[in-house]
Amino acid sequence: MLNLPAATEFNKRIPKQKFYENLPISPTMKRVFVEQIRTIIWRNKIAATTMNLAEGDAVKELEVFEIQLNSPALDELVLKQMDQVIPYHILFLLSYEGKVQAWIGYKEAAQSGTNAFKVSGYYHTDWLPETDMQLRIEGLSTDAVYENLVRQIAGTELQMQTGDTLQATVERTKQRADLEKKIAALEAKIRKEKQLNRQMELNAEVKRLRKEIEIL
């Protein structure tokens, strides 16, 4: 799938209990780990020490985790839980019955001065046969490799503008998604509203939000 050098291979099984024992997670989240995940395998480590790459400013290492599932579905909160406790960037490869789906989050160091991270959102591919999942490792640094993987996996979901950084693109995409949710909620209200004056007010707000999207 990735055709990574042998030096990057780690292939270490990680007990899923590590992600819910001794951590303040809800019983529901623990149940998700138990019921949805069969095995977690740390497949690769992409770093300056394992590849001919410069160490990035933001991305020191990029880990590749394969998560073998019990069904073709995984709660996104599981990935977030793992991302928050592991102080490195992670490419997740979900696998089920010969098919694979790649997931990656836009992950930034928190401003708290600790090793904590925050994840703005996740992007993923469709489910594909293992032989069809082709992700390119491109870039001269771990920062560049990570950013290129995010763009590949996100595809058209991230709409680049000339001169944009990845961070700016992610933030603009999130703003657009938030505005579209607001519009959908307003349009639902319009369909239920009986008073003409109120319908007009809501329509005006929808038009205003659509203009904001056009500006983005």
C-alpha atoms as a PDB file:
ATOM      1  CA  MET A   1       0.000   0.000   0.000  1.00  0.00           C
ATOM      2  CA  LEU A   2       2.735   2.464   0.940  1.00  0.00           C
ATOM      3  CA  ASN A   3       5.843   0.664  -0.347  1.00  0.00           C
ATOM      4  CA  LEU A   4       7.863   2.027   2.555  1.00  0.00           C
ATOM      5  CA  PRO A   5      11.527   1.097   3.090  1.00  0.00           C
ATOM      6  CA  ALA A   6      12.255  -1.870   5.336  1.00  0.00           C
ATOM      7  CA  ALA A   7      13.927   0.517   7.803  1.00  0.00           C
ATOM      8  CA  THR A   8      10.515   2.009   8.620  1.00  0.00           C
ATOM      9  CA  GLU A   9       8.929  -1.313   9.534  1.00  0.00           C
ATOM     10  CA  PHE A  10       7.905  -1.751  13.158  1.00  0.00           C
ATOM     11  CA  ASN A  11       5.136  -4.361  13.029  1.00  0.00           C
ATOM     12  CA  LYS A  12       4.432  -4.297  16.738  1.00  0.00           C
ATOM     13  CA  ARG A  13       1.053  -5.334  18.057  1.00  0.00           C
ATOM     14  CA  ILE A  14      -0.350  -2.839  20.566  1.00  0.00           C
ATOM     15  CA  PRO A  15      -2.844  -4.219  23.100  1.00  0.00           C
ATOM     16  CA  LYS A  16      -6.014  -2.162  22.715  1.00  0.00           C
ATOM     17  CA  GLN A  17      -6.327  -2.169  26.500  1.00  0.00           C
ATOM     18  CA  LYS A  18      -3.528   0.411  26.565  1.00  0.00           C
ATOM     19  CA  PHE A  19      -5.953   2.949  25.137  1.00  0.00           C
ATOM     20  CA  TYR A  20      -8.714   2.515  27.694  1.00  0.00           C
ATOM     21  CA  GLU A  21      -7.115   1.150  30.857  1.00  0.00           C
ATOM     22  CA  ASN A  22      -5.848   3.829  33.257  1.00  0.00           C
ATOM     23  CA  LEU A  23      -7.364   6.546  31.057  1.00  0.00           C
ATOM     24  CA  PRO A  24     -10.428   8.670  31.882  1.00  0.00           C
ATOM     25  CA  ILE A  25     -12.712   7.378  29.129  1.00  0.00           C
ATOM     26  CA  SER A  26     -16.402   6.600  29.298  1.00  0.00           C
ATOM     27  CA  PRO A  27     -17.797   3.057  29.477  1.00  0.00           C
ATOM     28  CA  THR A  28     -19.271   3.663  26.016  1.00  0.00           C
ATOM     29  CA  MET A  29     -15.849   4.431  24.560  1.00  0.00           C
ATOM     30  CA  LYS A  30     -14.344   1.385  26.242  1.00  0.00           C
ATOM     31  CA  ARG A  31     -17.104  -0.748  24.701  1.00  0.00           C
ATOM     32  CA  VAL A  32     -16.283   0.645  21.256  1.00  0.00           C
ATOM     33  CA  PHE A  33     -12.631  -0.383  21.646  1.00  0.00           C
ATOM     34  CA  VAL A  34     -13.662  -3.856  22.755  1.00  0.00           C
ATOM     35  CA  GLU A  35     -16.433  -4.497  20.236  1.00  0.00           C
ATOM     36  CA  GLN A  36     -15.273  -2.708  17.067  1.00  0.00           C
ATOM     37  CA  ILE A  37     -11.511  -3.336  17.102  1.00  0.00           C
ATOM     38  CA  ARG A  38      -9.902  -6.733  16.710  1.00  0.00           C
ATOM     39  CA  THR A  39      -6.201  -5.817  16.575  1.00  0.00           C
ATOM     40  CA  ILE A  40      -4.006  -2.702  16.501  1.00  0.00           C
ATOM     41  CA  ILE A  41      -0.631  -3.054  14.776  1.00  0.00           C
ATOM     42  CA  TRP A  42       2.021  -0.345  14.676  1.00  0.00           C
ATOM     43  CA  ARG A  43       3.227  -0.986  11.117  1.00  0.00           C
ATOM     44  CA  ASN A  44       5.717   1.781  10.311  1.00  0.00           C
ATOM     45  CA  LYS A  45       7.576   4.770  11.646  1.00  0.00           C
ATOM     46  CA  ILE A  46       8.260   7.520   9.105  1.00  0.00           C
ATOM     47  CA  ALA A  47      11.022   9.717  10.496  1.00  0.00           C
ATOM     48  CA  ALA A  48      14.404  11.232   9.734  1.00  0.00           C
ATOM     49  CA  THR A  49      15.951   8.176  11.416  1.00  0.00           C
ATOM     50  CA  THR A  50      14.147   5.669   9.179  1.00  0.00           C
ATOM     51  CA  MET A  51      14.016   7.471   5.828  1.00  0.00           C
ATOM     52  CA  ASN A  52      16.030   9.995   3.861  1.00  0.00           C
ATOM     53  CA  LEU A  53      14.011  12.909   5.254  1.00  0.00           C
ATOM     54  CA  ALA A  54      14.686  16.065   7.219  1.00  0.00           C
ATOM     55  CA  GLU A  55      12.934  16.267  10.576  1.00  0.00           C
ATOM     56  CA  GLY A  56      10.041  18.702  10.321  1.00  0.00           C
ATOM     57  CA  ASP A  57       9.234  21.575  12.647  1.00  0.00           C
ATOM     58  CA  ALA A  58       5.703  20.369  13.414  1.00  0.00           C
ATOM     59  CA  VAL A  59       5.886  16.676  12.516  1.00  0.00           C
ATOM     60  CA  LYS A  60       8.735  14.840  14.234  1.00  0.00           C
ATOM     61  CA  GLU A  61       7.502  11.364  13.323  1.00  0.00           C
ATOM     62  CA  LEU A  62       4.577   9.931  11.393  1.00  0.00           C
ATOM     63  CA  GLU A  63       3.346   6.574  12.678  1.00  0.00           C
ATOM     64  CA  VAL A  64       1.376   4.123  10.539  1.00  0.00           C
ATOM     65  CA  PHE A  65      -1.203   2.149  12.532  1.00  0.00           C
ATOM     66  CA  GLU A  66      -3.217  -0.673  11.030  1.00  0.00           C
ATOM     67  CA  ILE A  67      -6.506  -1.234  12.859  1.00  0.00           C
ATOM     68  CA  GLN A  68      -8.109  -4.566  12.043  1.00  0.00           C
ATOM     69  CA  LEU A  69     -11.856  -4.274  12.571  1.00  0.00           C
ATOM     70  CA  ASN A  70     -14.634  -6.660  13.507  1.00  0.00           C
ATOM     71  CA  SER A  71     -16.985  -4.885  11.077  1.00  0.00           C
ATOM     72  CA  PRO A  72     -16.549  -2.222   8.366  1.00  0.00           C
ATOM     73  CA  ALA A  73     -17.224   0.651  10.776  1.00  0.00           C
ATOM     74  CA  LEU A  74     -15.284   2.448  13.486  1.00  0.00           C
ATOM     75  CA  ASP A  75     -16.385   5.329  15.680  1.00  0.00           C
ATOM     76  CA  GLU A  76     -14.251   8.370  14.783  1.00  0.00           C
ATOM     77  CA  LEU A  77     -13.901   9.155  18.495  1.00  0.00           C
ATOM     78  CA  VAL A  78     -11.671   6.089  18.828  1.00  0.00           C
ATOM     79  CA  LEU A  79      -9.149   7.614  16.435  1.00  0.00           C
ATOM     80  CA  LYS A  80      -9.341  10.891  18.312  1.00  0.00           C
ATOM     81  CA  GLN A  81      -8.683   9.112  21.603  1.00  0.00           C
ATOM     82  CA  MET A  82      -5.593   7.461  20.135  1.00  0.00           C
ATOM     83  CA  ASP A  83      -4.386  10.702  18.547  1.00  0.00           C
ATOM     84  CA  GLN A  84      -4.715  12.567  21.827  1.00  0.00           C
ATOM     85  CA  VAL A  85      -2.618  10.139  23.854  1.00  0.00           C
ATOM     86  CA  ILE A  86       0.142   9.520  21.268  1.00  0.00           C
ATOM     87  CA  PRO A  87       2.417  12.559  20.848  1.00  0.00           C
ATOM     88  CA  TYR A  88       3.092  11.913  17.162  1.00  0.00           C
ATOM     89  CA  HIS A  89       1.126  12.251  13.961  1.00  0.00           C
ATOM     90  CA  ILE A  90      -0.641   9.080  12.846  1.00  0.00           C
ATOM     91  CA  LEU A  91      -1.812   7.593   9.561  1.00  0.00           C
ATOM     92  CA  PHE A  92      -4.542   5.039  10.305  1.00  0.00           C
ATOM     93  CA  LEU A  93      -5.194   2.137   7.953  1.00  0.00           C
ATOM     94  CA  LEU A  94      -8.492   0.470   8.808  1.00  0.00           C
ATOM     95  CA  SER A  95      -8.756  -3.060   7.446  1.00  0.00           C
ATOM     96  CA  TYR A  96     -11.649  -5.476   7.133  1.00  0.00           C
ATOM     97  CA  GLU A  97     -11.972  -8.597   4.972  1.00  0.00           C
ATOM     98  CA  GLY A  98      -9.333  -7.638   2.418  1.00  0.00           C
ATOM     99  CA  LYS A  99     -10.339  -3.984   2.083  1.00  0.00           C
ATOM    100  CA  VAL A 100      -8.628  -0.909   3.490  1.00  0.00           C
ATOM    101  CA  GLN A 101      -9.608   2.652   4.319  1.00  0.00           C
ATOM    102  CA  ALA A 102      -7.009   5.336   5.090  1.00  0.00           C
ATOM    103  CA  TRP A 103      -7.768   7.933   7.780  1.00  0.00           C
ATOM    104  CA  ILE A 104      -5.699  10.909   8.893  1.00  0.00           C
ATOM    105  CA  GLY A 105      -6.449  13.866  11.134  1.00  0.00           C
ATOM    106  CA  TYR A 106      -5.198  17.404  10.895  1.00  0.00           C
ATOM    107  CA  LYS A 107      -3.251  17.321  14.145  1.00  0.00           C
ATOM    108  CA  GLU A 108      -1.580  20.259  15.868  1.00  0.00           C
ATOM    109  CA  ALA A 109       0.275  20.658  19.131  1.00  0.00           C
ATOM    110  CA  ALA A 110      -1.935  22.281  21.754  1.00  0.00           C
ATOM    111  CA  GLN A 111      -0.955  25.660  23.133  1.00  0.00           C
ATOM    112  CA  SER A 112      -0.650  24.337  26.682  1.00  0.00           C
ATOM    113  CA  GLY A 113       3.096  23.772  26.488  1.00  0.00           C
ATOM    114  CA  THR A 114       2.663  20.040  27.071  1.00  0.00           C
ATOM    115  CA  ASN A 115       2.794  17.108  24.661  1.00  0.00           C
ATOM    116  CA  ALA A 116      -0.959  17.385  24.153  1.00  0.00           C
ATOM    117  CA  PHE A 117      -2.407  17.543  20.651  1.00  0.00           C
ATOM    118  CA  LYS A 118      -5.682  18.716  19.194  1.00  0.00           C
ATOM    119  CA  VAL A 119      -7.275  17.274  16.073  1.00  0.00           C
ATOM    120  CA  SER A 120      -9.360  19.650  13.970  1.00  0.00           C
ATOM    121  CA  GLY A 121     -10.985  16.926  11.904  1.00  0.00           C
ATOM    122  CA  TYR A 122     -10.459  13.680  10.031  1.00  0.00           C
ATOM    123  CA  TYR A 123     -10.265  12.858   6.351  1.00  0.00           C
ATOM    124  CA  HIS A 124     -10.578   9.404   4.843  1.00  0.00           C
ATOM    125  CA  THR A 125     -10.603   7.478   1.584  1.00  0.00           C
ATOM    126  CA  ASP A 126     -13.308   5.101   0.423  1.00  0.00           C
ATOM    127  CA  TRP A 127     -13.004   1.419   1.245  1.00  0.00           C
ATOM    128  CA  LEU A 128     -10.692  -0.087  -1.363  1.00  0.00           C
ATOM    129  CA  PRO A 129      -9.140  -3.498  -2.027  1.00  0.00           C
ATOM    130  CA  GLU A 130      -5.690  -3.612  -0.444  1.00  0.00           C
ATOM    131  CA  THR A 131      -4.061  -3.762  -3.887  1.00  0.00           C
ATOM    132  CA  ASP A 132      -5.848  -0.552  -4.960  1.00  0.00           C
ATOM    133  CA  MET A 133      -4.851   1.567  -1.954  1.00  0.00           C
ATOM    134  CA  GLN A 134      -1.924   3.591  -3.254  1.00  0.00           C
ATOM    135  CA  LEU A 135      -0.646   6.476  -1.136  1.00  0.00           C
ATOM    136  CA  ARG A 136       2.480   8.312  -2.263  1.00  0.00           C
ATOM    137  CA  ILE A 137       5.196   9.326   0.173  1.00  0.00           C
ATOM    138  CA  GLU A 138       6.213  12.721  -1.191  1.00  0.00           C
ATOM    139  CA  GLY A 139       8.342  15.494   0.287  1.00  0.00           C
ATOM    140  CA  LEU A 140      11.798  16.203   1.636  1.00  0.00           C
ATOM    141  CA  SER A 141      10.775  16.510   5.291  1.00  0.00           C
ATOM    142  CA  THR A 142       8.370  14.824   7.688  1.00  0.00           C
ATOM    143  CA  ASP A 143       6.274  18.018   7.607  1.00  0.00           C
ATOM    144  CA  ALA A 144       5.952  17.770   3.818  1.00  0.00           C
ATOM    145  CA  VAL A 145       5.219  14.022   3.840  1.00  0.00           C
ATOM    146  CA  TYR A 146       2.428  14.529   6.380  1.00  0.00           C
ATOM    147  CA  GLU A 147       0.875  17.473   4.527  1.00  0.00           C
ATOM    148  CA  ASN A 148       0.950  15.593   1.224  1.00  0.00           C
ATOM    149  CA  LEU A 149      -0.732  12.569   2.814  1.00  0.00           C
ATOM    150  CA  VAL A 150      -3.480  14.787   4.250  1.00  0.00           C
ATOM    151  CA  ARG A 151      -4.095  16.301   0.809  1.00  0.00           C
ATOM    152  CA  GLN A 152      -4.125  12.895  -0.921  1.00  0.00           C
ATOM    153  CA  ILE A 153      -6.542  11.352   1.566  1.00  0.00           C
ATOM    154  CA  ALA A 154      -8.817  14.396   1.760  1.00  0.00           C
ATOM    155  CA  GLY A 155      -8.971  14.775  -2.019  1.00  0.00           C
ATOM    156  CA  THR A 156     -11.518  17.347  -3.167  1.00  0.00           C
ATOM    157  CA  GLU A 157     -12.751  17.860   0.392  1.00  0.00           C
ATOM    158  CA  LEU A 158      -9.839  20.261   0.867  1.00  0.00           C
ATOM    159  CA  GLN A 159     -10.152  23.027  -1.703  1.00  0.00           C
ATOM    160  CA  MET A 160      -6.783  24.681  -2.091  1.00  0.00           C
ATOM    161  CA  GLN A 161      -6.318  28.309  -3.032  1.00  0.00           C
ATOM    162  CA  THR A 162      -3.105  29.709  -4.454  1.00  0.00           C
ATOM    163  CA  GLY A 163      -0.573  30.356  -1.710  1.00  0.00           C
ATOM    164  CA  ASP A 164      -2.618  28.624   0.993  1.00  0.00           C
ATOM    165  CA  THR A 165      -0.951  26.689   3.764  1.00  0.00           C
ATOM    166  CA  LEU A 166      -2.499  23.384   4.809  1.00  0.00           C
ATOM    167  CA  GLN A 167      -3.617  24.980   8.064  1.00  0.00           C
ATOM    168  CA  ALA A 168      -5.430  27.782   6.235  1.00  0.00           C
ATOM    169  CA  THR A 169      -7.085  25.270   3.897  1.00  0.00           C
ATOM    170  CA  VAL A 170      -8.269  23.100   6.805  1.00  0.00           C
ATOM    171  CA  GLU A 171      -9.640  26.114   8.695  1.00  0.00           C
ATOM    172  CA  ARG A 172     -11.484  27.432   5.632  1.00  0.00           C
ATOM    173  CA  THR A 173     -12.942  23.975   4.923  1.00  0.00           C
ATOM    174  CA  LYS A 174     -14.175  23.730   8.501  1.00  0.00           C
ATOM    175  CA  GLN A 175     -15.746  27.207   8.315  1.00  0.00           C
ATOM    176  CA  ARG A 176     -17.525  26.229   5.102  1.00  0.00           C
ATOM    177  CA  ALA A 177     -18.829  23.006   6.668  1.00  0.00           C
ATOM    178  CA  ASP A 178     -20.103  24.925   9.718  1.00  0.00           C
ATOM    179  CA  LEU A 179     -21.897  27.443   7.491  1.00  0.00           C
ATOM    180  CA  GLU A 180     -23.485  24.663   5.430  1.00  0.00           C
ATOM    181  CA  LYS A 181     -24.797  23.038   8.626  1.00  0.00           C
ATOM    182  CA  LYS A 182     -26.333  26.355   9.691  1.00  0.00           C
ATOM    183  CA  ILE A 183     -27.954  26.752   6.270  1.00  0.00           C
ATOM    184  CA  ALA A 184     -29.399  23.239   6.412  1.00  0.00           C
ATOM    185  CA  ALA A 185     -30.844  23.945   9.861  1.00  0.00           C
ATOM    186  CA  LEU A 186     -32.378  27.238   8.692  1.00  0.00           C
ATOM    187  CA  GLU A 187     -33.880  25.616   5.602  1.00  0.00           C
ATOM    188  CA  ALA A 188     -35.474  22.982   7.840  1.00  0.00           C
ATOM    189  CA  LYS A 189     -36.993  25.789   9.933  1.00  0.00           C
ATOM    190  CA  ILE A 190     -38.291  27.538   6.805  1.00  0.00           C
ATOM    191  CA  ARG A 191     -40.127  24.387   5.714  1.00  0.00           C
ATOM    192  CA  LYS A 192     -41.881  24.212   9.088  1.00  0.00           C
ATOM    193  CA  GLU A 193     -42.543  27.934   9.522  1.00  0.00           C
ATOM    194  CA  LYS A 194     -46.135  29.090   8.918  1.00  0.00           C
ATOM    195  CA  GLN A 195     -45.664  32.850   9.130  1.00  0.00           C
ATOM    196  CA  LEU A 196     -44.592  34.541   5.905  1.00  0.00           C
ATOM    197  CA  ASN A 197     -42.658  37.311   7.676  1.00  0.00           C
ATOM    198  CA  ARG A 198     -40.610  34.780   9.609  1.00  0.00           C
ATOM    199  CA  GLN A 199     -39.967  32.771   6.442  1.00  0.00           C
ATOM    200  CA  MET A 200     -38.597  35.911   4.797  1.00  0.00           C
ATOM    201  CA  GLU A 201     -36.323  36.626   7.755  1.00  0.00           C
ATOM    202  CA  LEU A 202     -34.949  33.112   7.668  1.00  0.00           C
ATOM    203  CA  ASN A 203     -34.463  33.263   3.897  1.00  0.00           C
ATOM    204  CA  ALA A 204     -32.513  36.487   4.283  1.00  0.00           C
ATOM    205  CA  GLU A 205     -30.233  34.795   6.800  1.00  0.00           C
ATOM    206  CA  VAL A 206     -29.717  31.866   4.427  1.00  0.00           C
ATOM    207  CA  LYS A 207     -28.710  34.268   1.647  1.00  0.00           C
ATOM    208  CA  ARG A 208     -26.285  36.029   3.989  1.00  0.00           C
ATOM    209  CA  LEU A 209     -24.629  32.724   4.939  1.00  0.00           C
ATOM    210  CA  ARG A 210     -24.399  31.664   1.289  1.00  0.00           C
ATOM    211  CA  LYS A 211     -22.529  34.891   0.522  1.00  0.00           C
ATOM    212  CA  GLU A 212     -20.101  34.069   3.317  1.00  0.00           C
ATOM    213  CA  ILE A 213     -19.469  30.695   1.689  1.00  0.00           C
ATOM    214  CA  GLU A 214     -18.829  32.398  -1.675  1.00  0.00           C
ATOM    215  CA  ILE A 215     -16.251  34.659  -0.028  1.00  0.00           C
ATOM    216  CA  LEU A 216     -14.492  31.646   1.464  1.00  0.00           C
END
